[in-house]
Amino acid sequence: LVLKFAVAPFVDRHRLLPRLGHRRGWIVPTQALVSLAIAAMALLDPSQ
């Protein structure tokens, strides 16, 4: 969250999924992967 300024120009410059549009093309896949990673936490114990 502190260092994200270093990659901000890359996000402004490039389209990850052009069919979805510029900003939407970044938001949809990253948030979907975030939700998947949260679900993966359910497979672990809080002590791990």
All heavy atoms as atom14 arrays in JSON, in Angstrom:
{
  "sequence": "LVLKFAVAPFVDRHRLLPRLGHRRGWIVPTQALVSLAIAAMALLDPSQ",
  "atom14_mask": [
    [1, 1, 1, 1, 1, 1, 1, 1, 0, 0, 0, 0, 0, 0],
    [1, 1, 1, 1, 1, 1, 1, 0, 0, 0, 0, 0, 0, 0],
    [1, 1, 1, 1, 1, 1, 1, 1, 0, 0, 0, 0, 0, 0],
    [1, 1, 1, 1, 1, 1, 1, 1, 1, 0, 0, 0, 0, 0],
    [1, 1, 1, 1, 1, 1, 1, 1, 1, 1, 1, 0, 0, 0],
    [1, 1, 1, 1, 1, 0, 0, 0, 0, 0, 0, 0, 0, 0],
    [1, 1, 1, 1, 1, 1, 1, 0, 0, 0, 0, 0, 0, 0],
    [1, 1, 1, 1, 1, 0, 0, 0, 0, 0, 0, 0, 0, 0],
    [1, 1, 1, 1, 1, 1, 1, 0, 0, 0, 0, 0, 0, 0],
    [1, 1, 1, 1, 1, 1, 1, 1, 1, 1, 1, 0, 0, 0],
    [1, 1, 1, 1, 1, 1, 1, 0, 0, 0, 0, 0, 0, 0],
    [1, 1, 1, 1, 1, 1, 1, 1, 0, 0, 0, 0, 0, 0],
    [1, 1, 1, 1, 1, 1, 1, 1, 1, 1, 1, 0, 0, 0],
    [1, 1, 1, 1, 1, 1, 1, 1, 1, 1, 0, 0, 0, 0],
    [1, 1, 1, 1, 1, 1, 1, 1, 1, 1, 1, 0, 0, 0],
    [1, 1, 1, 1, 1, 1, 1, 1, 0, 0, 0, 0, 0, 0],
    [1, 1, 1, 1, 1, 1, 1, 1, 0, 0, 0, 0, 0, 0],
    [1, 1, 1, 1, 1, 1, 1, 0, 0, 0, 0, 0, 0, 0],
    [1, 1, 1, 1, 1, 1, 1, 1, 1, 1, 1, 0, 0, 0],
    [1, 1, 1, 1, 1, 1, 1, 1, 0, 0, 0, 0, 0, 0],
    [1, 1, 1, 1, 0, 0, 0, 0, 0, 0, 0, 0, 0, 0],
    [1, 1, 1, 1, 1, 1, 1, 1, 1, 1, 0, 0, 0, 0],
    [1, 1, 1, 1, 1, 1, 1, 1, 1, 1, 1, 0, 0, 0],
    [1, 1, 1, 1, 1, 1, 1, 1, 1, 1, 1, 0, 0, 0],
    [1, 1, 1, 1, 0, 0, 0, 0, 0, 0, 0, 0, 0, 0],
    [1, 1, 1, 1, 1, 1, 1, 1, 1, 1, 1, 1, 1, 1],
    [1, 1, 1, 1, 1, 1, 1, 1, 0, 0, 0, 0, 0, 0],
    [1, 1, 1, 1, 1, 1, 1, 0, 0, 0, 0, 0, 0, 0],
    [1, 1, 1, 1, 1, 1, 1, 0, 0, 0, 0, 0, 0, 0],
    [1, 1, 1, 1, 1, 1, 1, 0, 0, 0, 0, 0, 0, 0],
    [1, 1, 1, 1, 1, 1, 1, 1, 1, 0, 0, 0, 0, 0],
    [1, 1, 1, 1, 1, 0, 0, 0, 0, 0, 0, 0, 0, 0],
    [1, 1, 1, 1, 1, 1, 1, 1, 0, 0, 0, 0, 0, 0],
    [1, 1, 1, 1, 1, 1, 1, 0, 0, 0, 0, 0, 0, 0],
    [1, 1, 1, 1, 1, 1, 0, 0, 0, 0, 0, 0, 0, 0],
    [1, 1, 1, 1, 1, 1, 1, 1, 0, 0, 0, 0, 0, 0],
    [1, 1, 1, 1, 1, 0, 0, 0, 0, 0, 0, 0, 0, 0],
    [1, 1, 1, 1, 1, 1, 1, 1, 0, 0, 0, 0, 0, 0],
    [1, 1, 1, 1, 1, 0, 0, 0, 0, 0, 0, 0, 0, 0],
    [1, 1, 1, 1, 1, 0, 0, 0, 0, 0, 0, 0, 0, 0],
    [1, 1, 1, 1, 1, 1, 1, 1, 0, 0, 0, 0, 0, 0],
    [1, 1, 1, 1, 1, 0, 0, 0, 0, 0, 0, 0, 0, 0],
    [1, 1, 1, 1, 1, 1, 1, 1, 0, 0, 0, 0, 0, 0],
    [1, 1, 1, 1, 1, 1, 1, 1, 0, 0, 0, 0, 0, 0],
    [1, 1, 1, 1, 1, 1, 1, 1, 0, 0, 0, 0, 0, 0],
    [1, 1, 1, 1, 1, 1, 1, 0, 0, 0, 0, 0, 0, 0],
    [1, 1, 1, 1, 1, 1, 0, 0, 0, 0, 0, 0, 0, 0],
    [1, 1, 1, 1, 1, 1, 1, 1, 1, 0, 0, 0, 0, 0]
  ],
  "atom14_positions": [
    [[0.82, -1.2, 0.0], [0.0, 0.0, 0.0], [0.86, 1.26, 0.0], [0.44, 2.31, -0.5], [-0.92, 0.0, 1.23], [-1.84, -1.21, 1.38], [-2.63, -1.13, 2.68], [-2.79, -1.3, 0.19], [0.0, 0.0, 0.0], [0.0, 0.0, 0.0], [0.0, 0.0, 0.0], [0.0, 0.0, 0.0], [0.0, 0.0, 0.0], [0.0, 0.0, 0.0]],
    [[2.08, 1.15, 0.55], [2.99, 2.29, 0.6], [3.77, 2.44, -0.7], [4.03, 3.56, -1.16], [3.97, 2.14, 1.78], [4.99, 3.26, 1.79], [3.22, 2.1, 3.1], [0.0, 0.0, 0.0], [0.0, 0.0, 0.0], [0.0, 0.0, 0.0], [0.0, 0.0, 0.0], [0.0, 0.0, 0.0], [0.0, 0.0, 0.0], [0.0, 0.0, 0.0]],
    [[4.11, 1.31, -1.32], [4.99, 1.32, -2.49], [4.24, 1.24, -3.81], [4.88, 1.19, -4.87], [5.98, 0.15, -2.39], [6.88, 0.13, -1.15], [7.73, -1.14, -1.12], [7.77, 1.36, -1.11], [0.0, 0.0, 0.0], [0.0, 0.0, 0.0], [0.0, 0.0, 0.0], [0.0, 0.0, 0.0], [0.0, 0.0, 0.0], [0.0, 0.0, 0.0]],
    [[2.93, 1.25, -3.77], [2.17, 1.06, -5.01], [2.37, 2.19, -6.01], [2.09, 2.01, -7.21], [0.68, 0.9, -4.69], [0.04, 2.12, -4.04], [-1.4, 1.85, -3.66], [-2.01, 3.07, -2.98], [-3.4, 2.84, -2.55], [0.0, 0.0, 0.0], [0.0, 0.0, 0.0], [0.0, 0.0, 0.0], [0.0, 0.0, 0.0], [0.0, 0.0, 0.0]],
    [[2.87, 3.35, -5.56], [3.12, 4.45, -6.5], [4.11, 4.03, -7.58], [4.1, 4.57, -8.69], [3.63, 5.68, -5.75], [5.02, 5.53, -5.18], [6.13, 5.86, -5.92], [5.2, 5.05, -3.89], [7.41, 5.73, -5.41], [6.47, 4.91, -3.36], [7.59, 5.25, -4.13], [0.0, 0.0, 0.0], [0.0, 0.0, 0.0], [0.0, 0.0, 0.0]],
    [[4.99, 3.05, -7.26], [6.01, 2.64, -8.23], [5.4, 1.94, -9.44], [5.97, 2.0, -10.54], [7.04, 1.73, -7.55], [0.0, 0.0, 0.0], [0.0, 0.0, 0.0], [0.0, 0.0, 0.0], [0.0, 0.0, 0.0], [0.0, 0.0, 0.0], [0.0, 0.0, 0.0], [0.0, 0.0, 0.0], [0.0, 0.0, 0.0], [0.0, 0.0, 0.0]],
    [[4.25, 1.26, -9.25], [3.62, 0.55, -10.37], [2.42, 1.29, -10.92], [1.82, 0.85, -11.9], [3.21, -0.88, -9.95], [4.42, -1.7, -9.57], [2.19, -0.85, -8.81], [0.0, 0.0, 0.0], [0.0, 0.0, 0.0], [0.0, 0.0, 0.0], [0.0, 0.0, 0.0], [0.0, 0.0, 0.0], [0.0, 0.0, 0.0], [0.0, 0.0, 0.0]],
    [[2.07, 2.43, -10.31], [0.91, 3.18, -10.77], [1.03, 3.6, -12.24], [0.04, 3.5, -12.98], [0.68, 4.4, -9.87], [0.0, 0.0, 0.0], [0.0, 0.0, 0.0], [0.0, 0.0, 0.0], [0.0, 0.0, 0.0], [0.0, 0.0, 0.0], [0.0, 0.0, 0.0], [0.0, 0.0, 0.0], [0.0, 0.0, 0.0], [0.0, 0.0, 0.0]],
    [[2.2, 4.06, -12.71], [2.28, 4.41, -14.13], [2.01, 3.23, -15.05], [1.43, 3.4, -16.14], [3.73, 4.9, -14.28], [4.13, 5.36, -12.92], [3.43, 4.42, -11.99], [0.0, 0.0, 0.0], [0.0, 0.0, 0.0], [0.0, 0.0, 0.0], [0.0, 0.0, 0.0], [0.0, 0.0, 0.0], [0.0, 0.0, 0.0], [0.0, 0.0, 0.0]],
    [[2.4, 2.03, -14.63], [2.14, 0.83, -15.44], [0.64, 0.59, -15.59], [0.15, 0.28, -16.67], [2.82, -0.38, -14.79], [2.68, -1.66, -15.56], [3.53, -1.96, -16.6], [1.66, -2.56, -15.26], [3.41, -3.14, -17.33], [1.51, -3.73, -15.97], [2.39, -4.02, -17.02], [0.0, 0.0, 0.0], [0.0, 0.0, 0.0], [0.0, 0.0, 0.0]],
    [[-0.1, 0.76, -14.47], [-1.55, 0.57, -14.52], [-2.2, 1.65, -15.36], [-3.14, 1.39, -16.12], [-2.14, 0.57, -13.09], [-3.66, 0.49, -13.11], [-1.57, -0.6, -12.28], [0.0, 0.0, 0.0], [0.0, 0.0, 0.0], [0.0, 0.0, 0.0], [0.0, 0.0, 0.0], [0.0, 0.0, 0.0], [0.0, 0.0, 0.0], [0.0, 0.0, 0.0]],
    [[-1.72, 2.89, -15.26], [-2.26, 3.99, -16.07], [-1.96, 3.79, -17.56], [-2.73, 4.22, -18.41], [-1.65, 5.32, -15.61], [-2.55, 6.05, -14.62], [-3.76, 5.79, -14.61], [-2.03, 6.87, -13.85], [0.0, 0.0, 0.0], [0.0, 0.0, 0.0], [0.0, 0.0, 0.0], [0.0, 0.0, 0.0], [0.0, 0.0, 0.0], [0.0, 0.0, 0.0]],
    [[-0.85, 3.14, -17.84], [-0.36, 3.05, -19.22], [-0.92, 1.87, -19.98], [-1.12, 1.93, -21.2], [1.17, 2.96, -19.18], [1.87, 3.26, -20.49], [3.38, 3.12, -20.29], [3.87, 4.0, -19.24], [5.04, 3.86, -18.64], [5.83, 2.85, -18.96], [5.42, 4.72, -17.72], [0.0, 0.0, 0.0], [0.0, 0.0, 0.0], [0.0, 0.0, 0.0]],
    [[-1.17, 0.76, -19.29], [-1.52, -0.49, -19.96], [-2.92, -0.98, -19.58], [-3.4, -0.73, -18.48], [-0.49, -1.58, -19.63], [0.9, -1.24, -20.06], [1.31, -1.27, -21.37], [1.98, -0.84, -19.33], [2.58, -0.93, -21.45], [3.02, -0.65, -20.23], [0.0, 0.0, 0.0], [0.0, 0.0, 0.0], [0.0, 0.0, 0.0], [0.0, 0.0, 0.0]],
    [[-3.52, -1.74, -20.49], [-4.82, -2.38, -20.25], [-4.59, -3.86, -20.03], [-4.01, -4.54, -20.89], [-5.75, -2.16, -21.45], [-6.11, -0.69, -21.67], [-6.94, -0.51, -22.92], [-7.3, 0.9, -23.09], [-8.54, 1.34, -23.21], [-9.55, 0.48, -23.2], [-8.79, 2.62, -23.35], [0.0, 0.0, 0.0], [0.0, 0.0, 0.0], [0.0, 0.0, 0.0]],
    [[-5.05, -4.38, -18.9], [-4.85, -5.79, -18.58], [-5.79, -6.67, -19.39], [-5.37, -7.67, -19.99], [-5.05, -6.02, -17.08], [-4.76, -7.43, -16.56], [-3.3, -7.8, -16.8], [-5.07, -7.5, -15.06], [0.0, 0.0, 0.0], [0.0, 0.0, 0.0], [0.0, 0.0, 0.0], [0.0, 0.0, 0.0], [0.0, 0.0, 0.0], [0.0, 0.0, 0.0]],
    [[-7.08, -6.31, -19.39], [-8.08, -7.02, -20.2], [-8.79, -5.97, -21.06], [-9.81, -5.41, -20.65], [-9.08, -7.76, -19.3], [-8.52, -8.91, -18.44], [-9.61, -9.49, -17.57], [-7.91, -10.0, -19.32], [0.0, 0.0, 0.0], [0.0, 0.0, 0.0], [0.0, 0.0, 0.0], [0.0, 0.0, 0.0], [0.0, 0.0, 0.0], [0.0, 0.0, 0.0]],
    [[-8.28, -5.7, -22.26], [-8.81, -4.59, -23.08], [-10.3, -4.66, -23.35], [-10.96, -3.63, -23.45], [-8.0, -4.72, -24.38], [-6.74, -5.41, -23.98], [-7.14, -6.36, -22.89], [0.0, 0.0, 0.0], [0.0, 0.0, 0.0], [0.0, 0.0, 0.0], [0.0, 0.0, 0.0], [0.0, 0.0, 0.0], [0.0, 0.0, 0.0], [0.0, 0.0, 0.0]],
    [[-10.83, -5.86, -23.46], [-12.26, -5.98, -23.77], [-13.14, -5.4, -22.66], [-14.28, -5.01, -22.91], [-12.63, -7.45, -24.0], [-12.06, -8.03, -25.29], [-12.58, -9.43, -25.51], [-12.08, -10.0, -26.77], [-12.41, -11.2, -27.23], [-13.23, -11.98, -26.52], [-11.91, -11.62, -28.38], [0.0, 0.0, 0.0], [0.0, 0.0, 0.0], [0.0, 0.0, 0.0]],
    [[-12.63, -5.38, -21.45], [-13.4, -4.85, -20.32], [-13.23, -3.35, -20.15], [-13.93, -2.73, -19.36], [-13.0, -5.56, -19.02], [-13.31, -7.05, -18.93], [-12.82, -7.6, -17.59], [-14.79, -7.31, -19.1], [0.0, 0.0, 0.0], [0.0, 0.0, 0.0], [0.0, 0.0, 0.0], [0.0, 0.0, 0.0], [0.0, 0.0, 0.0], [0.0, 0.0, 0.0]],
    [[-12.31, -2.76, -20.9], [-12.0, -1.35, -20.7], [-10.74, -1.2, -19.87], [-10.21, -2.17, -19.33], [0.0, 0.0, 0.0], [0.0, 0.0, 0.0], [0.0, 0.0, 0.0], [0.0, 0.0, 0.0], [0.0, 0.0, 0.0], [0.0, 0.0, 0.0], [0.0, 0.0, 0.0], [0.0, 0.0, 0.0], [0.0, 0.0, 0.0], [0.0, 0.0, 0.0]],
    [[-10.25, 0.02, -19.76], [-8.97, 0.24, -19.09], [-9.05, -0.05, -17.59], [-8.43, -0.99, -17.1], [-8.52, 1.68, -19.33], [-7.12, 1.95, -18.88], [-6.45, 3.12, -19.17], [-6.25, 1.22, -18.14], [-5.23, 3.08, -18.66], [-5.1, 1.93, -18.02], [0.0, 0.0, 0.0], [0.0, 0.0, 0.0], [0.0, 0.0, 0.0], [0.0, 0.0, 0.0]],
    [[-9.8, 0.75, -16.83], [-9.85, 0.57, -15.37], [-10.61, -0.71, -15.0], [-10.18, -1.45, -14.11], [-10.53, 1.78, -14.72], [-10.05, 3.13, -15.22], [-8.63, 3.44, -14.86], [-8.16, 4.6, -15.61], [-6.91, 5.06, -15.59], [-6.02, 4.45, -14.84], [-6.56, 6.1, -16.31], [0.0, 0.0, 0.0], [0.0, 0.0, 0.0], [0.0, 0.0, 0.0]],
    [[-11.72, -0.96, -15.65], [-12.5, -2.17, -15.34], [-11.65, -3.43, -15.59], [-11.76, -4.42, -14.88], [-13.77, -2.21, -16.17], [-14.71, -3.34, -15.78], [-15.85, -3.51, -16.76], [-16.78, -2.4, -16.75], [-16.97, -1.57, -17.76], [-16.26, -1.72, -18.89], [-17.84, -0.6, -17.68], [0.0, 0.0, 0.0], [0.0, 0.0, 0.0], [0.0, 0.0, 0.0]],
    [[-10.8, -3.37, -16.63], [-9.97, -4.5, -16.97], [-8.94, -4.85, -15.9], [-8.44, -5.98, -15.86], [0.0, 0.0, 0.0], [0.0, 0.0, 0.0], [0.0, 0.0, 0.0], [0.0, 0.0, 0.0], [0.0, 0.0, 0.0], [0.0, 0.0, 0.0], [0.0, 0.0, 0.0], [0.0, 0.0, 0.0], [0.0, 0.0, 0.0], [0.0, 0.0, 0.0]],
    [[-8.62, -3.9, -15.04], [-7.75, -4.17, -13.89], [-8.58, -4.56, -12.66], [-8.19, -5.46, -11.89], [-6.93, -2.92, -13.56], [-5.75, -2.71, -14.44], [-5.66, -1.87, -15.52], [-4.47, -3.35, -14.34], [-4.42, -1.94, -16.09], [-3.66, -2.84, -15.38], [-3.94, -4.29, -13.47], [-2.34, -3.25, -15.58], [-2.62, -4.7, -13.65], [-1.84, -4.19, -14.69]],
    [[-9.7, -3.89, -12.46], [-10.47, -4.09, -11.23], [-11.09, -5.48, -11.15], [-11.0, -6.16, -10.11], [-11.57, -3.0, -11.12], [-10.93, -1.63, -10.93], [-12.54, -3.31, -9.99], [-11.9, -0.46, -11.09], [0.0, 0.0, 0.0], [0.0, 0.0, 0.0], [0.0, 0.0, 0.0], [0.0, 0.0, 0.0], [0.0, 0.0, 0.0], [0.0, 0.0, 0.0]],
    [[-11.72, -5.94, -12.22], [-12.44, -7.22, -12.18], [-11.51, -8.4, -11.89], [-11.77, -9.17, -10.95], [-13.23, -7.45, -13.49], [-13.81, -8.86, -13.53], [-14.35, -6.41, -13.61], [0.0, 0.0, 0.0], [0.0, 0.0, 0.0], [0.0, 0.0, 0.0], [0.0, 0.0, 0.0], [0.0, 0.0, 0.0], [0.0, 0.0, 0.0], [0.0, 0.0, 0.0]],
    [[-10.42, -8.61, -12.64], [-9.59, -9.78, -12.36], [-8.86, -9.72, -11.02], [-8.74, -10.74, -10.33], [-8.59, -9.81, -13.53], [-8.57, -8.43, -14.06], [-9.95, -7.88, -13.85], [0.0, 0.0, 0.0], [0.0, 0.0, 0.0], [0.0, 0.0, 0.0], [0.0, 0.0, 0.0], [0.0, 0.0, 0.0], [0.0, 0.0, 0.0], [0.0, 0.0, 0.0]],
    [[-8.4, -8.53, -10.62], [-7.68, -8.45, -9.35], [-8.61, -8.72, -8.17], [-8.25, -9.45, -7.24], [-7.0, -7.08, -9.18], [-7.96, -6.03, -9.4], [-5.86, -6.91, -10.15], [0.0, 0.0, 0.0], [0.0, 0.0, 0.0], [0.0, 0.0, 0.0], [0.0, 0.0, 0.0], [0.0, 0.0, 0.0], [0.0, 0.0, 0.0], [0.0, 0.0, 0.0]],
    [[-9.83, -8.18, -8.21], [-10.76, -8.4, -7.11], [-11.23, -9.85, -7.08], [-11.43, -10.42, -6.01], [-11.95, -7.45, -7.2], [-12.85, -7.47, -5.97], [-12.13, -7.02, -4.71], [-11.21, -6.2, -4.78], [-12.53, -7.55, -3.57], [0.0, 0.0, 0.0], [0.0, 0.0, 0.0], [0.0, 0.0, 0.0], [0.0, 0.0, 0.0], [0.0, 0.0, 0.0]],
    [[-11.4, -10.47, -8.24], [-11.79, -11.88, -8.28], [-10.71, -12.75, -7.66], [-11.0, -13.69, -6.89], [-12.05, -12.31, -9.73], [0.0, 0.0, 0.0], [0.0, 0.0, 0.0], [0.0, 0.0, 0.0], [0.0, 0.0, 0.0], [0.0, 0.0, 0.0], [0.0, 0.0, 0.0], [0.0, 0.0, 0.0], [0.0, 0.0, 0.0], [0.0, 0.0, 0.0]],
    [[-9.44, -12.45, -7.94], [-8.34, -13.21, -7.34], [-8.23, -12.95, -5.84], [-7.89, -13.85, -5.07], [-7.03, -12.85, -8.04], [-6.86, -13.38, -9.47], [-5.6, -12.81, -10.12], [-6.8, -14.91, -9.46], [0.0, 0.0, 0.0], [0.0, 0.0, 0.0], [0.0, 0.0, 0.0], [0.0, 0.0, 0.0], [0.0, 0.0, 0.0], [0.0, 0.0, 0.0]],
    [[-8.52, -11.72, -5.41], [-8.54, -11.4, -3.98], [-9.57, -12.27, -3.26], [-9.29, -12.86, -2.21], [-8.84, -9.9, -3.74], [-9.25, -9.65, -2.29], [-7.62, -9.06, -4.08], [0.0, 0.0, 0.0], [0.0, 0.0, 0.0], [0.0, 0.0, 0.0], [0.0, 0.0, 0.0], [0.0, 0.0, 0.0], [0.0, 0.0, 0.0], [0.0, 0.0, 0.0]],
    [[-10.77, -12.36, -3.81], [-11.82, -13.17, -3.19], [-11.42, -14.65, -3.15], [-11.69, -15.35, -2.17], [-13.13, -13.01, -3.97], [-13.57, -11.67, -3.93], [0.0, 0.0, 0.0], [0.0, 0.0, 0.0], [0.0, 0.0, 0.0], [0.0, 0.0, 0.0], [0.0, 0.0, 0.0], [0.0, 0.0, 0.0], [0.0, 0.0, 0.0], [0.0, 0.0, 0.0]],
    [[-10.76, -15.11, -4.21], [-10.29, -16.49, -4.24], [-9.23, -16.74, -3.16], [-9.24, -17.78, -2.49], [-9.72, -16.81, -5.62], [-9.28, -18.26, -5.86], [-10.47, -19.21, -5.74], [-8.65, -18.39, -7.25], [0.0, 0.0, 0.0], [0.0, 0.0, 0.0], [0.0, 0.0, 0.0], [0.0, 0.0, 0.0], [0.0, 0.0, 0.0], [0.0, 0.0, 0.0]],
    [[-8.34, -15.76, -2.98], [-7.3, -15.9, -1.95], [-7.9, -15.89, -0.55], [-7.44, -16.61, 0.34], [-6.27, -14.78, -2.11], [0.0, 0.0, 0.0], [0.0, 0.0, 0.0], [0.0, 0.0, 0.0], [0.0, 0.0, 0.0], [0.0, 0.0, 0.0], [0.0, 0.0, 0.0], [0.0, 0.0, 0.0], [0.0, 0.0, 0.0], [0.0, 0.0, 0.0]],
    [[-8.93, -15.06, -0.33], [-9.61, -15.07, 0.97], [-10.25, -16.43, 1.22], [-10.15, -16.99, 2.33], [-10.67, -13.95, 1.03], [-9.99, -12.58, 1.0], [-11.52, -14.09, 2.3], [-10.97, -11.42, 0.93], [0.0, 0.0, 0.0], [0.0, 0.0, 0.0], [0.0, 0.0, 0.0], [0.0, 0.0, 0.0], [0.0, 0.0, 0.0], [0.0, 0.0, 0.0]],
    [[-10.89, -17.0, 0.19], [-11.49, -18.32, 0.33], [-10.43, -19.36, 0.68], [-10.67, -20.28, 1.47], [-12.21, -18.7, -0.95], [0.0, 0.0, 0.0], [0.0, 0.0, 0.0], [0.0, 0.0, 0.0], [0.0, 0.0, 0.0], [0.0, 0.0, 0.0], [0.0, 0.0, 0.0], [0.0, 0.0, 0.0], [0.0, 0.0, 0.0], [0.0, 0.0, 0.0]],
    [[-9.23, -19.23, 0.11], [-8.14, -20.16, 0.41], [-7.72, -20.09, 1.88], [-7.24, -21.09, 2.44], [-6.95, -19.89, -0.5], [0.0, 0.0, 0.0], [0.0, 0.0, 0.0], [0.0, 0.0, 0.0], [0.0, 0.0, 0.0], [0.0, 0.0, 0.0], [0.0, 0.0, 0.0], [0.0, 0.0, 0.0], [0.0, 0.0, 0.0], [0.0, 0.0, 0.0]],
    [[-7.9, -18.94, 2.52], [-7.58, -18.81, 3.94], [-8.43, -19.73, 4.8], [-8.03, -20.13, 5.89], [-7.78, -17.36, 4.39], [-6.78, -16.39, 3.81], [-7.18, -14.64, 4.17], [-7.13, -14.65, 5.97], [0.0, 0.0, 0.0], [0.0, 0.0, 0.0], [0.0, 0.0, 0.0], [0.0, 0.0, 0.0], [0.0, 0.0, 0.0], [0.0, 0.0, 0.0]],
    [[-9.63, -20.08, 4.3], [-10.52, -20.97, 5.05], [-9.93, -22.37, 5.2], [-10.34, -23.13, 6.08], [-11.88, -21.04, 4.37], [0.0, 0.0, 0.0], [0.0, 0.0, 0.0], [0.0, 0.0, 0.0], [0.0, 0.0, 0.0], [0.0, 0.0, 0.0], [0.0, 0.0, 0.0], [0.0, 0.0, 0.0], [0.0, 0.0, 0.0], [0.0, 0.0, 0.0]],
    [[-8.98, -22.72, 4.33], [-8.35, -24.03, 4.38], [-7.27, -24.1, 5.45], [-6.75, -25.19, 5.74], [-7.74, -24.38, 3.02], [-8.7, -24.36, 1.82], [-7.94, -24.62, 0.53], [-9.8, -25.4, 2.02], [0.0, 0.0, 0.0], [0.0, 0.0, 0.0], [0.0, 0.0, 0.0], [0.0, 0.0, 0.0], [0.0, 0.0, 0.0], [0.0, 0.0, 0.0]],
    [[-6.92, -22.95, 6.03], [-5.85, -22.88, 7.02], [-6.43, -22.67, 8.4], [-7.61, -22.35, 8.56], [-4.9, -21.74, 6.68], [-4.24, -21.79, 5.29], [-3.5, -20.48, 5.02], [-3.29, -22.97, 5.2], [0.0, 0.0, 0.0], [0.0, 0.0, 0.0], [0.0, 0.0, 0.0], [0.0, 0.0, 0.0], [0.0, 0.0, 0.0], [0.0, 0.0, 0.0]],
    [[-5.58, -22.83, 9.39], [-5.93, -22.53, 10.78], [-5.36, -21.15, 11.12], [-4.29, -20.79, 10.62], [-5.34, -23.59, 11.72], [-5.78, -23.38, 13.16], [-6.87, -23.87, 13.51], [-5.05, -22.71, 13.91], [0.0, 0.0, 0.0], [0.0, 0.0, 0.0], [0.0, 0.0, 0.0], [0.0, 0.0, 0.0], [0.0, 0.0, 0.0], [0.0, 0.0, 0.0]],
    [[-6.05, -20.36, 11.95], [-5.53, -19.03, 12.28], [-4.14, -19.03, 12.91], [-3.48, -17.99, 12.93], [-6.57, -18.48, 13.26], [-7.81, -19.24, 12.98], [-7.37, -20.61, 12.55], [0.0, 0.0, 0.0], [0.0, 0.0, 0.0], [0.0, 0.0, 0.0], [0.0, 0.0, 0.0], [0.0, 0.0, 0.0], [0.0, 0.0, 0.0], [0.0, 0.0, 0.0]],
    [[-3.69, -20.17, 13.42], [-2.36, -20.24, 14.03], [-1.25, -20.41, 13.0], [-0.06, -20.26, 13.32], [-2.3, -21.41, 15.02], [-2.49, -22.64, 14.33], [0.0, 0.0, 0.0], [0.0, 0.0, 0.0], [0.0, 0.0, 0.0], [0.0, 0.0, 0.0], [0.0, 0.0, 0.0], [0.0, 0.0, 0.0], [0.0, 0.0, 0.0], [0.0, 0.0, 0.0]],
    [[-1.59, -20.7, 11.75], [-0.59, -20.94, 10.7], [-0.15, -19.6, 10.1], [-0.61, -19.17, 9.05], [-1.17, -21.86, 9.62], [-1.49, -23.26, 10.14], [-2.11, -24.13, 9.07], [-3.33, -24.11, 8.87], [-1.28, -24.89, 8.37], [0.0, 0.0, 0.0], [0.0, 0.0, 0.0], [0.0, 0.0, 0.0], [0.0, 0.0, 0.0], [0.0, 0.0, 0.0]]
  ]
}
